[in-house]
Protein backbone atom coordinates (compact mmCIF):
# COMPACT_ATOMS: atom_id res chain seq x y z
CA UNK A 1 7.28 -74.47 -70.90
CA UNK A 2 6.02 -76.66 -68.11
CA UNK A 3 3.78 -79.77 -67.84
CA UNK A 4 0.16 -80.08 -66.79
CA UNK A 5 -0.77 -81.27 -63.31
CA UNK A 6 -1.61 -84.71 -64.70
CA UNK A 7 1.79 -84.92 -66.36
CA UNK A 8 3.46 -83.85 -63.12
CA UNK A 9 1.88 -86.72 -61.20
CA UNK A 10 2.71 -89.17 -63.99
CA UNK A 11 6.34 -88.05 -63.91
CA UNK A 12 6.55 -88.42 -60.15
CA UNK A 13 4.91 -91.84 -60.28
CA UNK A 14 7.49 -92.99 -62.81
CA UNK A 15 10.25 -91.36 -60.77
CA UNK A 16 9.13 -93.26 -57.68
CA UNK A 17 9.11 -96.52 -59.64
CA UNK A 18 12.70 -95.88 -60.72
CA UNK A 19 13.97 -94.62 -57.37
CA UNK A 20 11.54 -95.15 -54.46
CA UNK A 21 11.88 -92.79 -51.54
CA UNK A 22 10.45 -89.87 -49.55
CA UNK A 23 11.68 -87.41 -52.20
CA UNK A 24 8.50 -87.91 -54.23
CA UNK A 25 6.11 -86.84 -51.46
CA UNK A 26 8.45 -83.97 -50.59
CA UNK A 27 8.18 -82.80 -54.20
CA UNK A 28 4.38 -83.00 -54.18
CA UNK A 29 4.23 -81.00 -50.96
CA UNK A 30 6.67 -78.39 -52.30
CA UNK A 31 4.47 -78.03 -55.37
CA UNK A 32 1.36 -77.60 -53.26
CA UNK A 33 3.07 -74.97 -51.10
CA UNK A 34 4.14 -73.10 -54.23
CA UNK A 35 0.56 -73.16 -55.51
CA UNK A 36 -0.88 -71.85 -52.23
CA UNK A 37 1.58 -68.97 -52.19
CA UNK A 38 1.31 -68.14 -55.91
CA UNK A 39 -2.49 -67.95 -55.62
CA UNK A 40 -2.02 -64.97 -53.29
CA UNK A 41 0.70 -63.23 -55.32
CA UNK A 42 -0.49 -60.83 -58.02
CA UNK A 43 0.83 -61.79 -61.44
CA UNK A 44 1.91 -65.33 -60.56
CA UNK A 45 0.48 -68.44 -62.25
CA UNK A 46 -0.43 -70.96 -59.56
CA UNK A 47 -0.46 -73.96 -61.94
CA UNK A 48 3.00 -73.08 -63.19
CA UNK A 49 4.14 -72.66 -59.59
CA UNK A 50 2.82 -76.12 -58.72
CA UNK A 51 4.52 -77.78 -61.70
CA UNK A 52 7.88 -76.14 -61.04
CA UNK A 53 7.73 -76.81 -57.32
CA UNK A 54 6.66 -80.43 -57.74
CA UNK A 55 9.37 -81.25 -60.29
CA UNK A 56 12.32 -79.39 -58.79
CA UNK A 57 13.87 -82.71 -57.69
CA UNK A 58 12.88 -84.78 -60.74
CA UNK A 59 16.55 -85.57 -61.26
CA UNK A 60 16.27 -87.94 -58.31
CA UNK A 61 14.50 -90.34 -60.68
CA UNK A 62 18.01 -91.35 -61.76
CA UNK A 63 19.06 -92.61 -58.32
CA UNK A 64 20.54 -91.55 -55.00
CA UNK A 65 22.92 -88.78 -55.89
CA UNK A 66 23.91 -85.41 -54.48
CA UNK A 67 24.69 -82.47 -56.77
CA UNK A 68 24.18 -84.81 -59.71
CA UNK A 69 20.40 -84.75 -59.16
CA UNK A 70 20.52 -81.08 -60.17
CA UNK A 71 22.11 -81.68 -63.57
CA UNK A 72 20.13 -84.90 -64.12
CA UNK A 73 16.91 -82.98 -63.56
CA UNK A 74 18.00 -80.15 -65.82
CA UNK A 75 18.90 -82.50 -68.66
CA UNK A 76 15.74 -84.58 -68.28
CA UNK A 77 13.46 -81.53 -68.24
CA UNK A 78 15.15 -80.10 -71.34
CA UNK A 79 14.61 -83.40 -73.14
CA UNK A 80 10.91 -83.10 -72.33
CA UNK A 81 10.83 -79.52 -73.62
CA UNK A 82 10.16 -78.06 -70.16
CA UNK A 83 12.70 -75.26 -70.07
CA UNK A 84 11.15 -73.61 -67.01
CA UNK A 85 11.31 -76.85 -65.05
CA UNK A 86 14.92 -77.31 -66.18
CA UNK A 87 15.75 -73.89 -64.82
CA UNK A 88 14.43 -74.57 -61.29
CA UNK A 89 16.11 -77.97 -61.27
CA UNK A 90 19.34 -75.96 -61.28
CA UNK A 91 18.41 -72.95 -59.19
CA UNK A 92 16.48 -74.60 -56.33
CA UNK A 93 19.60 -75.79 -54.50
CA UNK A 94 21.23 -72.38 -54.47
CA UNK A 95 19.55 -69.83 -52.22
CA UNK A 96 23.02 -68.29 -52.26
CA UNK A 97 23.77 -67.93 -55.96
CA UNK A 98 27.25 -69.44 -55.74
CA UNK A 99 28.12 -73.04 -56.53
CA UNK A 100 30.63 -73.04 -53.67
CA UNK A 101 27.76 -72.40 -51.23
CA UNK A 102 26.05 -75.71 -52.00
CA UNK A 103 25.87 -78.27 -49.19
CA UNK A 104 25.98 -81.41 -51.32
CA UNK A 105 28.87 -83.51 -52.60
CA UNK A 106 29.95 -82.43 -56.07
CA UNK A 107 29.36 -85.81 -57.71
CA UNK A 108 29.40 -84.31 -61.21
CA UNK A 109 32.02 -83.95 -63.92
CA UNK A 110 34.31 -80.92 -64.10
CA UNK A 111 32.47 -79.86 -67.27
CA UNK A 112 29.09 -80.05 -65.50
CA UNK A 113 30.54 -78.11 -62.57
CA UNK A 114 31.73 -75.30 -64.84
CA UNK A 115 28.39 -75.21 -66.62
CA UNK A 116 26.48 -74.97 -63.34
CA UNK A 117 28.85 -72.33 -61.97
CA UNK A 118 28.50 -70.21 -65.10
CA UNK A 119 24.73 -70.70 -65.24
CA UNK A 120 24.31 -69.41 -61.69
CA UNK A 121 26.63 -66.45 -62.27
CA UNK A 122 24.69 -65.39 -65.37
CA UNK A 123 21.12 -66.01 -64.18
CA UNK A 124 18.97 -63.42 -62.44
CA UNK A 125 16.46 -65.24 -60.22
CA UNK A 126 12.82 -64.53 -61.00
CA UNK A 127 9.90 -64.98 -58.61
CA UNK A 128 9.46 -68.64 -59.60
CA UNK A 129 13.09 -69.44 -58.81
CA UNK A 130 12.68 -67.69 -55.46
CA UNK A 131 9.38 -69.43 -54.75
CA UNK A 132 10.71 -72.93 -55.44
CA UNK A 133 13.81 -72.28 -53.33
CA UNK A 134 11.53 -71.25 -50.46
CA UNK A 135 9.00 -74.07 -50.90
CA UNK A 136 11.76 -76.68 -51.02
CA UNK A 137 12.37 -75.59 -47.41
CA UNK A 138 8.68 -75.43 -46.40
CA UNK A 139 7.91 -79.06 -47.30
CA UNK A 140 9.09 -82.46 -46.23
CA UNK A 141 7.69 -85.91 -46.98
CA UNK A 142 5.13 -85.65 -44.17
CA UNK A 143 3.64 -82.29 -45.11
CA UNK A 144 4.41 -78.62 -44.58
CA UNK A 145 6.80 -77.40 -41.89
CA UNK A 146 8.29 -74.22 -40.51
CA UNK A 147 11.66 -73.20 -41.90
CA UNK A 148 13.53 -73.92 -38.69
CA UNK A 149 12.53 -77.59 -38.71
CA UNK A 150 13.57 -78.17 -42.30
CA UNK A 151 16.84 -76.26 -41.94
CA UNK A 152 17.87 -78.19 -38.85
CA UNK A 153 16.90 -81.48 -40.50
CA UNK A 154 19.05 -80.61 -43.51
CA UNK A 155 21.97 -79.60 -41.30
CA UNK A 156 21.74 -82.92 -39.45
CA UNK A 157 21.88 -84.82 -42.75
CA UNK A 158 24.53 -82.80 -44.61
CA UNK A 159 26.41 -80.99 -41.87
CA UNK A 160 27.13 -77.30 -41.27
CA UNK A 161 29.40 -75.35 -43.61
CA UNK A 162 30.83 -71.88 -44.04
CA UNK A 163 27.78 -70.67 -45.98
CA UNK A 164 25.13 -72.30 -43.75
CA UNK A 165 23.98 -69.18 -41.89
CA UNK A 166 24.07 -67.14 -45.11
CA UNK A 167 21.80 -69.73 -46.75
CA UNK A 168 19.45 -69.74 -43.76
CA UNK A 169 19.17 -65.97 -43.89
CA UNK A 170 18.12 -66.11 -47.54
CA UNK A 171 15.26 -68.50 -46.74
CA UNK A 172 13.92 -66.10 -44.12
CA UNK A 173 14.34 -63.16 -46.48
CA UNK A 174 12.37 -65.03 -49.16
CA UNK A 175 9.63 -65.82 -46.64
CA UNK A 176 9.36 -62.12 -45.81
CA UNK A 177 9.50 -61.19 -49.51
CA UNK A 178 6.50 -63.36 -50.39
CA UNK A 179 4.56 -62.40 -47.27
CA UNK A 180 4.90 -58.77 -48.30
CA UNK A 181 3.65 -59.61 -51.81
CA UNK A 182 0.68 -61.56 -50.40
CA UNK A 183 -0.18 -59.34 -47.47
CA UNK A 184 -0.46 -62.33 -45.15
CA UNK A 185 1.68 -64.88 -43.32
CA UNK A 186 2.84 -67.93 -45.29
CA UNK A 187 2.28 -70.39 -42.44
CA UNK A 188 -1.40 -69.42 -42.35
CA UNK A 189 -1.77 -70.80 -45.91
CA UNK A 190 -0.28 -74.26 -45.37
CA UNK A 191 -2.81 -76.81 -44.03
CA UNK A 192 -1.65 -79.04 -41.19
CA UNK A 193 1.66 -77.24 -40.70
CA UNK A 194 1.31 -77.40 -36.91
CA UNK A 195 0.84 -81.17 -36.94
CA UNK A 196 3.68 -81.95 -39.34
CA UNK A 197 6.02 -79.49 -37.61
CA UNK A 198 5.47 -80.55 -34.03
CA UNK A 199 4.49 -84.22 -34.21
């Protein structure tokens, strides 16, 4: 289950009231990118793609946390009955499906860590997981951007780790995966990407 577009915007508005910051506009842009791509992919639901993309970081409504925003989002979405949103709240941070490959501080309990580790090990990513992981990297608070810009920005904020290049390679593989499904280039679908990338 996932919410309507109106519910998505209501949730993000409330999230911004609780924890103001650029994360809200990033989420909206990620949702829009997911919709643009899903519209071109046979068998994908573009409204579902928007909802999942736009709420992948809804855990940030609880405050300025690191890995904790993943479990906060998962728990919140489950409380709302949005199991598909809950799923991407967990999967979106793991292009490499290994909890040790995450770039954030593990500000969660040992029980939450074990749950997240086991969840990742036992979950096969579907196209919505893959799409949200990609769109998280195609959007910032100002609009859409090329992967290189977002990846470098993230590295500047969090640092570079042993899995960094492996993670970067997955993003480019996902870009190619969806371009093959669509039969066109992703950047051609995202309005204003040149401006937001190179300004």
